[in-house]
PDB file of N, CA and C in Angstrom:
ATOM      1  N   UNK A   1     119.201 109.130 108.920  1.00  0.00           N
ATOM      2  CA  UNK A   1     117.629 108.907 108.293  1.00  0.00           C
ATOM      3  C   UNK A   1     116.747 110.164 108.428  1.00  0.00           C
ATOM      4  N   UNK A   2     116.171 109.915 107.613  1.00  0.00           N
ATOM      5  CA  UNK A   2     115.181 111.673 107.086  1.00  0.00           C
ATOM      6  C   UNK A   2     113.942 111.055 107.669  1.00  0.00           C
ATOM      7  N   UNK A   3     112.952 111.751 108.017  1.00  0.00           N
ATOM      8  CA  UNK A   3     111.355 111.326 108.324  1.00  0.00           C
ATOM      9  C   UNK A   3     110.779 111.417 106.709  1.00  0.00           C
ATOM     10  N   UNK A   4     111.375 112.487 105.862  1.00  0.00           N
ATOM     11  CA  UNK A   4     110.564 112.733 104.858  1.00  0.00           C
ATOM     12  C   UNK A   4     110.687 112.038 104.263  1.00  0.00           C
ATOM     13  N   UNK A   5     111.720 111.007 104.092  1.00  0.00           N
ATOM     14  CA  UNK A   5     111.488 109.826 103.159  1.00  0.00           C
ATOM     15  C   UNK A   5     110.377 108.813 102.916  1.00  0.00           C
ATOM     16  N   UNK A   6     109.625 108.626 104.617  1.00  0.00           N
ATOM     17  CA  UNK A   6     108.394 108.256 104.555  1.00  0.00           C
ATOM     18  C   UNK A   6     107.121 108.837 104.457  1.00  0.00           C
ATOM     19  N   UNK A   7     107.478 110.244 104.202  1.00  0.00           N
ATOM     20  CA  UNK A   7     106.142 110.923 103.951  1.00  0.00           C
ATOM     21  C   UNK A   7     105.738 110.821 102.343  1.00  0.00           C
ATOM     22  N   UNK A   8     104.383 110.880 102.278  1.00  0.00           N
ATOM     23  CA  UNK A   8     104.132 110.748 100.746  1.00  0.00           C
ATOM     24  C   UNK A   8     104.303 112.238 100.035  1.00  0.00           C
ATOM     25  N   UNK A   9     104.705 111.575  98.535  1.00  0.00           N
ATOM     26  CA  UNK A   9     104.827 113.267  97.914  1.00  0.00           C
ATOM     27  C   UNK A   9     103.212 113.587  97.480  1.00  0.00           C
ATOM     28  N   UNK A  10     103.292 114.777  96.791  1.00  0.00           N
ATOM     29  CA  UNK A  10     101.896 115.432  96.445  1.00  0.00           C
ATOM     30  C   UNK A  10     101.321 114.656  95.329  1.00  0.00           C
ATOM     31  N   UNK A  11     101.722 114.071  94.676  1.00  0.00           N
ATOM     32  CA  UNK A  11     100.870 113.135  93.751  1.00  0.00           C
ATOM     33  C   UNK A  11      99.803 112.026  94.418  1.00  0.00           C
ATOM     34  N   UNK A  12     100.542 111.596  95.336  1.00  0.00           N
ATOM     35  CA  UNK A  12     100.117 110.756  96.547  1.00  0.00           C
ATOM     36  C   UNK A  12      99.300 111.181  97.232  1.00  0.00           C
ATOM     37  N   UNK A  13      99.533 112.074  97.331  1.00  0.00           N
ATOM     38  CA  UNK A  13      98.479 113.401  98.231  1.00  0.00           C
ATOM     39  C   UNK A  13      97.277 113.567  97.842  1.00  0.00           C
ATOM     40  N   UNK A  14      97.633 114.010  96.362  1.00  0.00           N
ATOM     41  CA  UNK A  14      96.286 114.591  95.377  1.00  0.00           C
ATOM     42  C   UNK A  14      95.781 113.192  95.133  1.00  0.00           C
ATOM     43  N   UNK A  15      96.238 112.307  94.917  1.00  0.00           N
ATOM     44  CA  UNK A  15      95.325 111.087  94.573  1.00  0.00           C
ATOM     45  C   UNK A  15      94.767 110.374  96.087  1.00  0.00           C
ATOM     46  N   UNK A  16      95.283 110.435  97.205  1.00  0.00           N
ATOM     47  CA  UNK A  16      93.947 110.266  97.945  1.00  0.00           C
ATOM     48  C   UNK A  16      93.135 110.949  98.093  1.00  0.00           C
ATOM     49  N   UNK A  17      93.327 112.380  97.972  1.00  0.00           N
ATOM     50  CA  UNK A  17      91.906 113.239  98.314  1.00  0.00           C
ATOM     51  C   UNK A  17      90.886 113.494  97.362  1.00  0.00           C
ATOM     52  N   UNK A  18      91.642 113.066  95.920  1.00  0.00           N
ATOM     53  CA  UNK A  18      90.723 112.810  94.829  1.00  0.00           C
ATOM     54  C   UNK A  18      89.837 111.754  94.910  1.00  0.00           C
ATOM     55  N   UNK A  19      89.878 110.727  95.908  1.00  0.00           N
ATOM     56  CA  UNK A  19      89.400 109.492  95.987  1.00  0.00           C
ATOM     57  C   UNK A  19      88.428 109.815  97.267  1.00  0.00           C
ATOM     58  N   UNK A  20      89.205 110.576  98.195  1.00  0.00           N
ATOM     59  CA  UNK A  20      88.310 110.788  99.395  1.00  0.00           C
ATOM     60  C   UNK A  20      87.330 111.586  99.238  1.00  0.00           C
ATOM     61  N   UNK A  21      87.397 112.509  97.809  1.00  0.00           N
ATOM     62  CA  UNK A  21      86.429 113.503  97.893  1.00  0.00           C
ATOM     63  C   UNK A  21      85.304 112.673  96.755  1.00  0.00           C
ATOM     64  N   UNK A  22      85.648 111.677  95.950  1.00  0.00           N
ATOM     65  CA  UNK A  22      84.668 111.580  94.926  1.00  0.00           C
ATOM     66  C   UNK A  22      84.062 110.374  95.984  1.00  0.00           C
ATOM     67  N   UNK A  23      84.158 109.883  97.292  1.00  0.00           N
ATOM     68  CA  UNK A  23      83.883 108.940  97.840  1.00  0.00           C
ATOM     69  C   UNK A  23      82.648 109.691  98.735  1.00  0.00           C
ATOM     70  N   UNK A  24      82.922 110.830  99.200  1.00  0.00           N
ATOM     71  CA  UNK A  24      82.164 111.994  99.761  1.00  0.00           C
ATOM     72  C   UNK A  24      81.010 112.582  98.749  1.00  0.00           C
ATOM     73  N   UNK A  25      81.757 113.041  97.797  1.00  0.00           N
ATOM     74  CA  UNK A  25      80.866 113.803  96.832  1.00  0.00           C
ATOM     75  C   UNK A  25      80.631 112.896  95.424  1.00  0.00           C
ATOM     76  N   UNK A  26      80.173 112.013  95.374  1.00  0.00           N
ATOM     77  CA  UNK A  26      79.998 111.496  94.099  1.00  0.00           C
ATOM     78  C   UNK A  26      79.242 112.179  92.882  1.00  0.00           C
ATOM     79  N   UNK A  27      79.630 111.967  91.892  1.00  0.00           N
ATOM     80  CA  UNK A  27      79.011 112.642  90.643  1.00  0.00           C
ATOM     81  C   UNK A  27      77.458 111.647  90.356  1.00  0.00           C
ATOM     82  N   UNK A  28      76.835 112.555  90.126  1.00  0.00           N
ATOM     83  CA  UNK A  28      75.080 111.899  89.743  1.00  0.00           C
ATOM     84  C   UNK A  28      74.724 112.904  88.834  1.00  0.00           C
ATOM     85  N   UNK A  29      73.722 111.983  88.017  1.00  0.00           N
ATOM     86  CA  UNK A  29      73.037 112.692  87.298  1.00  0.00           C
ATOM     87  C   UNK A  29      73.334 112.753  85.957  1.00  0.00           C
ATOM     88  N   UNK A  30      73.092 114.100  85.493  1.00  0.00           N
ATOM     89  CA  UNK A  30      73.804 114.417  83.742  1.00  0.00           C
ATOM     90  C   UNK A  30      75.496 114.779  83.600  1.00  0.00           C
ATOM     91  N   UNK A  31      76.074 115.722  85.085  1.00  0.00           N
ATOM     92  CA  UNK A  31      77.133 115.547  85.090  1.00  0.00           C
ATOM     93  C   UNK A  31      77.899 114.114  85.286  1.00  0.00           C
ATOM     94  N   UNK A  32      77.317 112.853  85.521  1.00  0.00           N
ATOM     95  CA  UNK A  32      78.190 111.750  86.073  1.00  0.00           C
ATOM     96  C   UNK A  32      78.126 111.382  84.599  1.00  0.00           C
ATOM     97  N   UNK A  33      77.295 111.456  83.408  1.00  0.00           N
ATOM     98  CA  UNK A  33      77.431 110.788  81.958  1.00  0.00           C
ATOM     99  C   UNK A  33      78.662 111.729  81.135  1.00  0.00           C
ATOM    100  N   UNK A  34      78.682 112.777  81.561  1.00  0.00           N
ATOM    101  CA  UNK A  34      79.968 113.824  81.041  1.00  0.00           C
ATOM    102  C   UNK A  34      80.985 113.034  81.640  1.00  0.00           C
ATOM    103  N   UNK A  35      81.200 113.033  82.943  1.00  0.00           N
ATOM    104  CA  UNK A  35      82.600 112.479  83.076  1.00  0.00           C
ATOM    105  C   UNK A  35      83.043 111.425  83.357  1.00  0.00           C
ATOM    106  N   UNK A  36      82.157 110.383  82.757  1.00  0.00           N
ATOM    107  CA  UNK A  36      82.001 108.815  82.082  1.00  0.00           C
ATOM    108  C   UNK A  36      83.075 109.241  81.011  1.00  0.00           C
ATOM    109  N   UNK A  37      82.635 110.194  79.903  1.00  0.00           N
ATOM    110  CA  UNK A  37      82.761 110.173  78.828  1.00  0.00           C
ATOM    111  C   UNK A  37      84.658 110.739  78.698  1.00  0.00           C
ATOM    112  N   UNK A  38      84.429 111.726  79.740  1.00  0.00           N
ATOM    113  CA  UNK A  38      86.037 112.306  80.042  1.00  0.00           C
ATOM    114  C   UNK A  38      86.515 111.120  80.641  1.00  0.00           C
ATOM    115  N   UNK A  39      86.379 110.701  81.396  1.00  0.00           N
ATOM    116  CA  UNK A  39      87.078 109.706  81.913  1.00  0.00           C
ATOM    117  C   UNK A  39      87.774 108.558  81.095  1.00  0.00           C
ATOM    118  N   UNK A  40      86.471 108.152  79.870  1.00  0.00           N
ATOM    119  CA  UNK A  40      87.557 107.274  79.306  1.00  0.00           C
ATOM    120  C   UNK A  40      88.446 108.000  77.944  1.00  0.00           C
ATOM    121  N   UNK A  41      88.274 108.928  78.119  1.00  0.00           N
ATOM    122  CA  UNK A  41      88.808 109.682  76.952  1.00  0.00           C
ATOM    123  C   UNK A  41      90.426 110.265  77.688  1.00  0.00           C
ATOM    124  N   UNK A  42      90.410 110.390  79.145  1.00  0.00           N
ATOM    125  CA  UNK A  42      91.503 110.393  79.753  1.00  0.00           C
ATOM    126  C   UNK A  42      92.490 109.343  80.107  1.00  0.00           C
ATOM    127  N   UNK A  43      91.880 108.452  79.876  1.00  0.00           N
ATOM    128  CA  UNK A  43      92.434 106.578  80.149  1.00  0.00           C
ATOM    129  C   UNK A  43      93.042 106.482  78.586  1.00  0.00           C
ATOM    130  N   UNK A  44      92.231 106.824  77.513  1.00  0.00           N
ATOM    131  CA  UNK A  44      92.836 106.496  76.276  1.00  0.00           C
ATOM    132  C   UNK A  44      94.053 107.144  75.786  1.00  0.00           C
ATOM    133  N   UNK A  45      94.354 108.500  76.578  1.00  0.00           N
ATOM    134  CA  UNK A  45      95.165 109.767  76.068  1.00  0.00           C
ATOM    135  C   UNK A  45      96.299 109.064  76.805  1.00  0.00           C
ATOM    136  N   UNK A  46      96.040 108.537  78.239  1.00  0.00           N
ATOM    137  CA  UNK A  46      97.189 108.348  78.960  1.00  0.00           C
ATOM    138  C   UNK A  46      97.894 106.988  78.271  1.00  0.00           C
ATOM    139  N   UNK A  47      97.133 106.392  77.772  1.00  0.00           N
ATOM    140  CA  UNK A  47      97.963 105.059  77.462  1.00  0.00           C
ATOM    141  C   UNK A  47      98.433 105.213  75.968  1.00  0.00           C
ATOM    142  N   UNK A  48      97.885 106.133  75.341  1.00  0.00           N
ATOM    143  CA  UNK A  48      98.429 106.639  73.952  1.00  0.00           C
ATOM    144  C   UNK A  48      99.748 107.419  74.096  1.00  0.00           C
ATOM    145  N   UNK A  49      99.763 108.119  75.111  1.00  0.00           N
ATOM    146  CA  UNK A  49     100.679 108.829  75.155  1.00  0.00           C
ATOM    147  C   UNK A  49     102.420 108.480  75.537  1.00  0.00           C
ATOM    148  N   UNK A  50     101.717 107.048  76.669  1.00  0.00           N
ATOM    149  CA  UNK A  50     102.971 106.113  77.129  1.00  0.00           C
ATOM    150  C   UNK A  50     103.289 105.657  76.006  1.00  0.00           C
ATOM    151  N   UNK A  51     102.656 104.915  74.950  1.00  0.00           N
ATOM    152  CA  UNK A  51     102.980 104.168  73.748  1.00  0.00           C
ATOM    153  C   UNK A  51     103.760 105.066  72.998  1.00  0.00           C
ATOM    154  N   UNK A  52     103.464 106.101  72.974  1.00  0.00           N
ATOM    155  CA  UNK A  52     104.054 107.355  71.842  1.00  0.00           C
ATOM    156  C   UNK A  52     105.709 107.426  72.512  1.00  0.00           C
ATOM    157  N   UNK A  53     105.785 107.156  73.476  1.00  0.00           N
ATOM    158  CA  UNK A  53     107.055 107.532  74.478  1.00  0.00           C
ATOM    159  C   UNK A  53     108.019 106.208  73.697  1.00  0.00           C
ATOM    160  N   UNK A  54     107.145 104.772  73.418  1.00  0.00           N
ATOM    161  CA  UNK A  54     108.320 103.963  73.145  1.00  0.00           C
ATOM    162  C   UNK A  54     108.975 104.092  71.901  1.00  0.00           C
ATOM    163  N   UNK A  55     110.057 103.442  71.737  1.00  0.00           N
ATOM    164  CA  UNK A  55     110.914 103.231  70.360  1.00  0.00           C
ATOM    165  C   UNK A  55     110.255 102.168  69.446  1.00  0.00           C
ATOM    166  N   UNK A  56     110.724 102.385  68.680  1.00  0.00           N
ATOM    167  CA  UNK A  56     110.050 101.459  67.358  1.00  0.00           C
ATOM    168  C   UNK A  56     110.632  99.929  67.446  1.00  0.00           C
ATOM    169  N   UNK A  57     111.883  99.935  67.960  1.00  0.00           N
ATOM    170  CA  UNK A  57     112.216  98.625  68.604  1.00  0.00           C
ATOM    171  C   UNK A  57     111.779  98.033  69.759  1.00  0.00           C
ATOM    172  N   UNK A  58     111.225  99.199  70.734  1.00  0.00           N
ATOM    173  CA  UNK A  58     110.726  98.596  71.966  1.00  0.00           C
ATOM    174  C   UNK A  58     108.784  98.139  71.644  1.00  0.00           C
ATOM    175  N   UNK A  59     108.833  98.778  70.288  1.00  0.00           N
ATOM    176  CA  UNK A  59     107.210  98.081  70.096  1.00  0.00           C
ATOM    177  C   UNK A  59     107.298  96.815  69.071  1.00  0.00           C
ATOM    178  N   UNK A  60     107.950  96.466  68.215  1.00  0.00           N
ATOM    179  CA  UNK A  60     108.449  95.307  67.915  1.00  0.00           C
ATOM    180  C   UNK A  60     108.791  94.532  68.875  1.00  0.00           C
ATOM    181  N   UNK A  61     109.933  94.415  69.606  1.00  0.00           N
ATOM    182  CA  UNK A  61     110.401  93.710  70.399  1.00  0.00           C
ATOM    183  C   UNK A  61     109.028  92.671  71.430  1.00  0.00           C
ATOM    184  N   UNK A  62     108.253  93.903  71.892  1.00  0.00           N
ATOM    185  CA  UNK A  62     107.285  93.732  72.657  1.00  0.00           C
ATOM    186  C   UNK A  62     106.078  92.773  71.494  1.00  0.00           C
ATOM    187  N   UNK A  63     105.687  93.366  70.339  1.00  0.00           N
ATOM    188  CA  UNK A  63     105.071  92.782  69.642  1.00  0.00           C
ATOM    189  C   UNK A  63     105.278  90.949  69.428  1.00  0.00           C
ATOM    190  N   UNK A  64     106.494  90.952  68.557  1.00  0.00           N
ATOM    191  CA  UNK A  64     107.498  89.598  68.597  1.00  0.00           C
ATOM    192  C   UNK A  64     107.013  88.399  69.618  1.00  0.00           C
ATOM    193  N   UNK A  65     106.379  89.259  70.952  1.00  0.00           N
ATOM    194  CA  UNK A  65     106.356  88.005  72.182  1.00  0.00           C
ATOM    195  C   UNK A  65     105.083  87.247  71.742  1.00  0.00           C
ATOM    196  N   UNK A  66     104.814  86.586  70.879  1.00  0.00           N
ATOM    197  CA  UNK A  66     103.419  86.260  70.486  1.00  0.00           C
ATOM    198  C   UNK A  66     103.044  84.981  71.923  1.00  0.00           C
ATOM    199  N   UNK A  67     104.221  84.040  72.301  1.00  0.00           N
ATOM    200  CA  UNK A  67     103.731  83.382  73.719  1.00  0.00           C
ATOM    201  C   UNK A  67     102.941  83.780  74.597  1.00  0.00           C
ATOM    202  N   UNK A  68     103.467  84.858  75.065  1.00  0.00           N
ATOM    203  CA  UNK A  68     103.329  85.635  76.226  1.00  0.00           C
ATOM    204  C   UNK A  68     101.676  86.142  75.736  1.00  0.00           C
ATOM    205  N   UNK A  69     101.387  86.991  74.638  1.00  0.00           N
ATOM    206  CA  UNK A  69      99.900  87.561  74.201  1.00  0.00           C
ATOM    207  C   UNK A  69      99.071  86.771  74.457  1.00  0.00           C
ATOM    208  N   UNK A  70      99.570  85.167  73.886  1.00  0.00           N
ATOM    209  CA  UNK A  70      98.858  84.233  73.589  1.00  0.00           C
ATOM    210  C   UNK A  70      98.431  83.641  74.660  1.00  0.00           C
ATOM    211  N   UNK A  71      99.005  83.576  75.831  1.00  0.00           N
ATOM    212  CA  UNK A  71      98.816  83.039  77.131  1.00  0.00           C
ATOM    213  C   UNK A  71      97.968  83.940  77.732  1.00  0.00           C
ATOM    214  N   UNK A  72      98.127  85.212  77.718  1.00  0.00           N
ATOM    215  CA  UNK A  72      97.448  86.626  78.510  1.00  0.00           C
ATOM    216  C   UNK A  72      96.240  86.378  77.716  1.00  0.00           C
ATOM    217  N   UNK A  73      95.694  86.395  76.689  1.00  0.00           N
ATOM    218  CA  UNK A  73      94.881  86.033  75.736  1.00  0.00           C
ATOM    219  C   UNK A  73      93.756  84.694  76.523  1.00  0.00           C
ATOM    220  N   UNK A  74      94.683  83.690  76.545  1.00  0.00           N
ATOM    221  CA  UNK A  74      93.770  82.599  76.618  1.00  0.00           C
ATOM    222  C   UNK A  74      93.560  82.579  78.066  1.00  0.00           C
ATOM    223  N   UNK A  75      94.258  82.960  79.163  1.00  0.00           N
ATOM    224  CA  UNK A  75      93.768  83.155  80.532  1.00  0.00           C
ATOM    225  C   UNK A  75      92.544  84.379  80.750  1.00  0.00           C
ATOM    226  N   UNK A  76      92.681  85.289  79.594  1.00  0.00           N
ATOM    227  CA  UNK A  76      91.791  86.120  79.647  1.00  0.00           C
ATOM    228  C   UNK A  76      90.015  85.594  79.495  1.00  0.00           C
ATOM    229  N   UNK A  77      89.894  84.738  78.450  1.00  0.00           N
ATOM    230  CA  UNK A  77      89.100  84.545  77.670  1.00  0.00           C
ATOM    231  C   UNK A  77      88.611  82.868  77.869  1.00  0.00           C
ATOM    232  N   UNK A  78      89.750  82.312  78.327  1.00  0.00           N
ATOM    233  CA  UNK A  78      89.503  80.849  78.603  1.00  0.00           C
ATOM    234  C   UNK A  78      89.496  80.432  79.702  1.00  0.00           C
ATOM    235  N   UNK A  79      90.520  80.708  80.859  1.00  0.00           N
ATOM    236  CA  UNK A  79      90.638  80.439  82.126  1.00  0.00           C
ATOM    237  C   UNK A  79      89.893  81.036  82.704  1.00  0.00           C
ATOM    238  N   UNK A  80      89.615  82.692  82.974  1.00  0.00           N
ATOM    239  CA  UNK A  80      88.906  82.863  83.757  1.00  0.00           C
ATOM    240  C   UNK A  80      87.731  82.838  83.596  1.00  0.00           C
ATOM    241  N   UNK A  81      86.694  82.828  82.589  1.00  0.00           N
ATOM    242  CA  UNK A  81      85.295  82.187  82.057  1.00  0.00           C
ATOM    243  C   UNK A  81      85.253  81.138  82.764  1.00  0.00           C
ATOM    244  N   UNK A  82      86.138  80.224  82.909  1.00  0.00           N
ATOM    245  CA  UNK A  82      85.779  78.639  83.484  1.00  0.00           C
ATOM    246  C   UNK A  82      85.805  78.739  85.070  1.00  0.00           C
TER     247      UNK A  82
END
């Protein structure tokens, strides 16, 4: 059994480094508002690109699960506020 199997990959190390750096050197002032917009755009782009990879059949199959969508919406907007 190789010890390498238990070591984190480069992406995990970069993620931990980014969180640590953001904790030590938080963004403030005018740069914070710029990075807030950049963060929103990056998240929207990530979700768009993930959805663009899906086949039409997968999108239609997911959209037809109306009971699941109704349960999630009811939990979010009815159950959690209670």
